[in-house]
Amino acid sequence: MIIERTEKEIIIRIPSYVTTDGLQNLVDYLTYKEATSKSKASQNDVDLLSKEVKKGWWKENKSRLIK
């Protein structure tokens, strides 16, 4: 594996024989880190948003799941 830093990006080179199974998890994590890198949200903000989303999901799907 080779990691190279240029002025604008970091390049990671991985041999072609490496399987892609675990690489997808790595790519997902890096995508998350990139998306949240400039966030000013606190953990409490994230927790409150998560609760609201779950509450809304349950309200919309409760009748479908409980009969």
N, C-alpha and C. Protein backbone atom coordinates (compact mmCIF):
# COMPACT_ATOMS: atom_id res chain seq x y z
N MET A 1 0.85 -1.17 0.00
CA MET A 1 0.00 0.00 0.00
C MET A 1 0.90 1.24 0.00
N ILE A 2 0.49 2.23 -0.76
CA ILE A 2 1.23 3.48 -0.84
C ILE A 2 0.27 4.62 -0.51
N ILE A 3 0.67 5.49 0.40
CA ILE A 3 -0.11 6.68 0.73
C ILE A 3 0.71 7.89 0.33
N GLU A 4 0.11 8.72 -0.49
CA GLU A 4 0.81 9.89 -1.03
C GLU A 4 -0.04 11.13 -0.78
N ARG A 5 0.57 12.18 -0.27
CA ARG A 5 -0.13 13.45 -0.04
C ARG A 5 0.33 14.45 -1.08
N THR A 6 -0.62 15.04 -1.78
CA THR A 6 -0.31 16.12 -2.71
C THR A 6 -0.84 17.40 -2.10
N GLU A 7 -0.74 18.48 -2.81
CA GLU A 7 -1.22 19.77 -2.29
C GLU A 7 -2.73 19.77 -2.08
N LYS A 8 -3.46 19.02 -2.91
CA LYS A 8 -4.92 19.06 -2.86
C LYS A 8 -5.60 17.78 -2.38
N GLU A 9 -4.86 16.67 -2.26
CA GLU A 9 -5.51 15.42 -1.91
C GLU A 9 -4.54 14.41 -1.33
N ILE A 10 -5.10 13.36 -0.75
CA ILE A 10 -4.32 12.22 -0.29
C ILE A 10 -4.68 11.05 -1.20
N ILE A 11 -3.69 10.38 -1.73
CA ILE A 11 -3.91 9.28 -2.64
C ILE A 11 -3.47 7.99 -1.96
N ILE A 12 -4.37 7.01 -1.93
CA ILE A 12 -4.06 5.71 -1.35
C ILE A 12 -4.08 4.69 -2.48
N ARG A 13 -2.97 4.01 -2.68
CA ARG A 13 -2.87 2.99 -3.73
C ARG A 13 -2.83 1.62 -3.05
N ILE A 14 -3.74 0.76 -3.49
CA ILE A 14 -3.86 -0.58 -2.91
C ILE A 14 -3.69 -1.59 -4.05
N PRO A 15 -2.92 -2.64 -3.84
CA PRO A 15 -2.72 -3.63 -4.89
C PRO A 15 -4.05 -4.23 -5.37
N SER A 16 -4.14 -4.57 -6.63
CA SER A 16 -5.38 -5.07 -7.22
C SER A 16 -5.81 -6.42 -6.67
N TYR A 17 -4.90 -7.15 -6.03
CA TYR A 17 -5.27 -8.45 -5.49
C TYR A 17 -6.02 -8.35 -4.16
N VAL A 18 -6.10 -7.18 -3.57
CA VAL A 18 -6.83 -7.01 -2.32
C VAL A 18 -8.33 -7.07 -2.63
N THR A 19 -9.07 -7.87 -1.83
CA THR A 19 -10.51 -8.00 -2.06
C THR A 19 -11.24 -6.72 -1.66
N THR A 20 -12.38 -6.52 -2.25
CA THR A 20 -13.12 -5.28 -2.01
C THR A 20 -14.09 -5.37 -0.84
N ASP A 21 -14.19 -6.51 -0.20
CA ASP A 21 -15.14 -6.67 0.91
C ASP A 21 -14.96 -5.62 2.00
N GLY A 22 -13.79 -5.56 2.59
CA GLY A 22 -13.52 -4.61 3.65
C GLY A 22 -13.29 -3.19 3.15
N LEU A 23 -12.89 -3.06 1.90
CA LEU A 23 -12.63 -1.74 1.34
C LEU A 23 -13.90 -0.88 1.29
N GLN A 24 -15.07 -1.51 1.07
CA GLN A 24 -16.31 -0.74 1.03
C GLN A 24 -16.57 -0.09 2.38
N ASN A 25 -16.30 -0.81 3.47
CA ASN A 25 -16.47 -0.22 4.80
C ASN A 25 -15.54 0.97 4.99
N LEU A 26 -14.30 0.83 4.52
CA LEU A 26 -13.34 1.93 4.61
C LEU A 26 -13.82 3.14 3.81
N VAL A 27 -14.29 2.90 2.60
CA VAL A 27 -14.79 3.99 1.75
C VAL A 27 -15.99 4.66 2.40
N ASP A 28 -16.90 3.87 2.97
CA ASP A 28 -18.06 4.44 3.66
C ASP A 28 -17.63 5.33 4.82
N TYR A 29 -16.65 4.86 5.59
CA TYR A 29 -16.15 5.64 6.72
C TYR A 29 -15.51 6.95 6.25
N LEU A 30 -14.70 6.87 5.20
CA LEU A 30 -14.05 8.07 4.69
C LEU A 30 -15.07 9.06 4.12
N THR A 31 -16.12 8.54 3.50
CA THR A 31 -17.20 9.40 2.99
C THR A 31 -17.88 10.12 4.14
N TYR A 32 -18.14 9.39 5.22
CA TYR A 32 -18.73 9.98 6.43
C TYR A 32 -17.82 11.07 7.00
N LYS A 33 -16.53 10.77 7.11
CA LYS A 33 -15.58 11.75 7.67
C LYS A 33 -15.54 13.01 6.81
N GLU A 34 -15.56 12.85 5.50
CA GLU A 34 -15.55 14.00 4.60
C GLU A 34 -16.83 14.82 4.75
N ALA A 35 -17.97 14.14 4.82
CA ALA A 35 -19.25 14.83 4.92
C ALA A 35 -19.42 15.58 6.23
N THR A 36 -18.83 15.07 7.30
CA THR A 36 -19.02 15.68 8.62
C THR A 36 -17.83 16.52 9.08
N SER A 37 -16.82 16.66 8.26
CA SER A 37 -15.58 17.32 8.69
C SER A 37 -15.77 18.78 9.10
N LYS A 38 -16.75 19.46 8.53
CA LYS A 38 -16.94 20.87 8.86
C LYS A 38 -18.18 21.11 9.72
N SER A 39 -18.75 20.03 10.23
CA SER A 39 -19.95 20.14 11.05
C SER A 39 -19.61 20.77 12.40
N LYS A 40 -20.50 21.60 12.87
CA LYS A 40 -20.34 22.20 14.19
C LYS A 40 -21.35 21.60 15.17
N ALA A 41 -22.02 20.54 14.75
CA ALA A 41 -23.02 19.89 15.61
C ALA A 41 -22.34 19.19 16.78
N SER A 42 -22.96 19.30 17.94
CA SER A 42 -22.45 18.59 19.11
C SER A 42 -23.06 17.19 19.14
N GLN A 43 -22.53 16.35 19.99
CA GLN A 43 -23.10 15.00 20.12
C GLN A 43 -24.54 15.09 20.58
N ASN A 44 -24.85 16.05 21.44
CA ASN A 44 -26.22 16.24 21.91
C ASN A 44 -27.14 16.60 20.74
N ASP A 45 -26.68 17.47 19.85
CA ASP A 45 -27.46 17.83 18.66
C ASP A 45 -27.76 16.58 17.82
N VAL A 46 -26.76 15.76 17.63
CA VAL A 46 -26.91 14.54 16.83
C VAL A 46 -27.90 13.59 17.51
N ASP A 47 -27.79 13.45 18.83
CA ASP A 47 -28.69 12.57 19.57
C ASP A 47 -30.14 13.03 19.46
N LEU A 48 -30.37 14.35 19.59
CA LEU A 48 -31.73 14.88 19.48
C LEU A 48 -32.30 14.67 18.07
N LEU A 49 -31.50 14.91 17.07
CA LEU A 49 -31.94 14.69 15.69
C LEU A 49 -32.27 13.22 15.46
N SER A 50 -31.45 12.34 15.98
CA SER A 50 -31.68 10.90 15.84
C SER A 50 -33.01 10.50 16.48
N LYS A 51 -33.29 11.03 17.66
CA LYS A 51 -34.56 10.73 18.33
C LYS A 51 -35.74 11.19 17.49
N GLU A 52 -35.65 12.39 16.93
CA GLU A 52 -36.74 12.92 16.10
C GLU A 52 -36.96 12.08 14.86
N VAL A 53 -35.89 11.66 14.22
CA VAL A 53 -36.00 10.83 13.03
C VAL A 53 -36.65 9.50 13.37
N LYS A 54 -36.20 8.88 14.46
CA LYS A 54 -36.77 7.59 14.87
C LYS A 54 -38.24 7.73 15.21
N LYS A 55 -38.59 8.82 15.90
CA LYS A 55 -39.98 9.05 16.29
C LYS A 55 -40.84 9.19 15.04
N GLY A 56 -40.38 9.94 14.07
CA GLY A 56 -41.12 10.13 12.82
C GLY A 56 -41.25 8.84 12.04
N TRP A 57 -40.17 8.05 12.02
CA TRP A 57 -40.21 6.78 11.30
C TRP A 57 -41.23 5.85 11.94
N TRP A 58 -41.21 5.77 13.26
CA TRP A 58 -42.13 4.88 13.97
C TRP A 58 -43.58 5.31 13.73
N LYS A 59 -43.83 6.61 13.75
CA LYS A 59 -45.18 7.12 13.54
C LYS A 59 -45.68 6.72 12.15
N GLU A 60 -44.84 6.78 11.16
CA GLU A 60 -45.21 6.44 9.78
C GLU A 60 -45.33 4.93 9.55
N ASN A 61 -44.61 4.11 10.30
CA ASN A 61 -44.55 2.69 10.01
C ASN A 61 -45.21 1.78 11.06
N LYS A 62 -45.67 2.36 12.17
CA LYS A 62 -46.23 1.56 13.25
C LYS A 62 -47.40 0.70 12.76
N SER A 63 -48.33 1.28 12.03
CA SER A 63 -49.51 0.53 11.58
C SER A 63 -49.14 -0.60 10.62
N ARG A 64 -48.08 -0.42 9.90
CA ARG A 64 -47.64 -1.44 8.95
C ARG A 64 -46.99 -2.62 9.69
N LEU A 65 -46.37 -2.36 10.82
CA LEU A 65 -45.64 -3.39 11.53
C LEU A 65 -46.44 -4.08 12.62
N ILE A 66 -47.38 -3.35 13.21
CA ILE A 66 -48.21 -3.91 14.29
C ILE A 66 -49.64 -4.00 13.78
N LYS A 67 -50.12 -5.23 13.71
CA LYS A 67 -51.51 -5.42 13.19
C LYS A 67 -52.39 -6.05 14.20
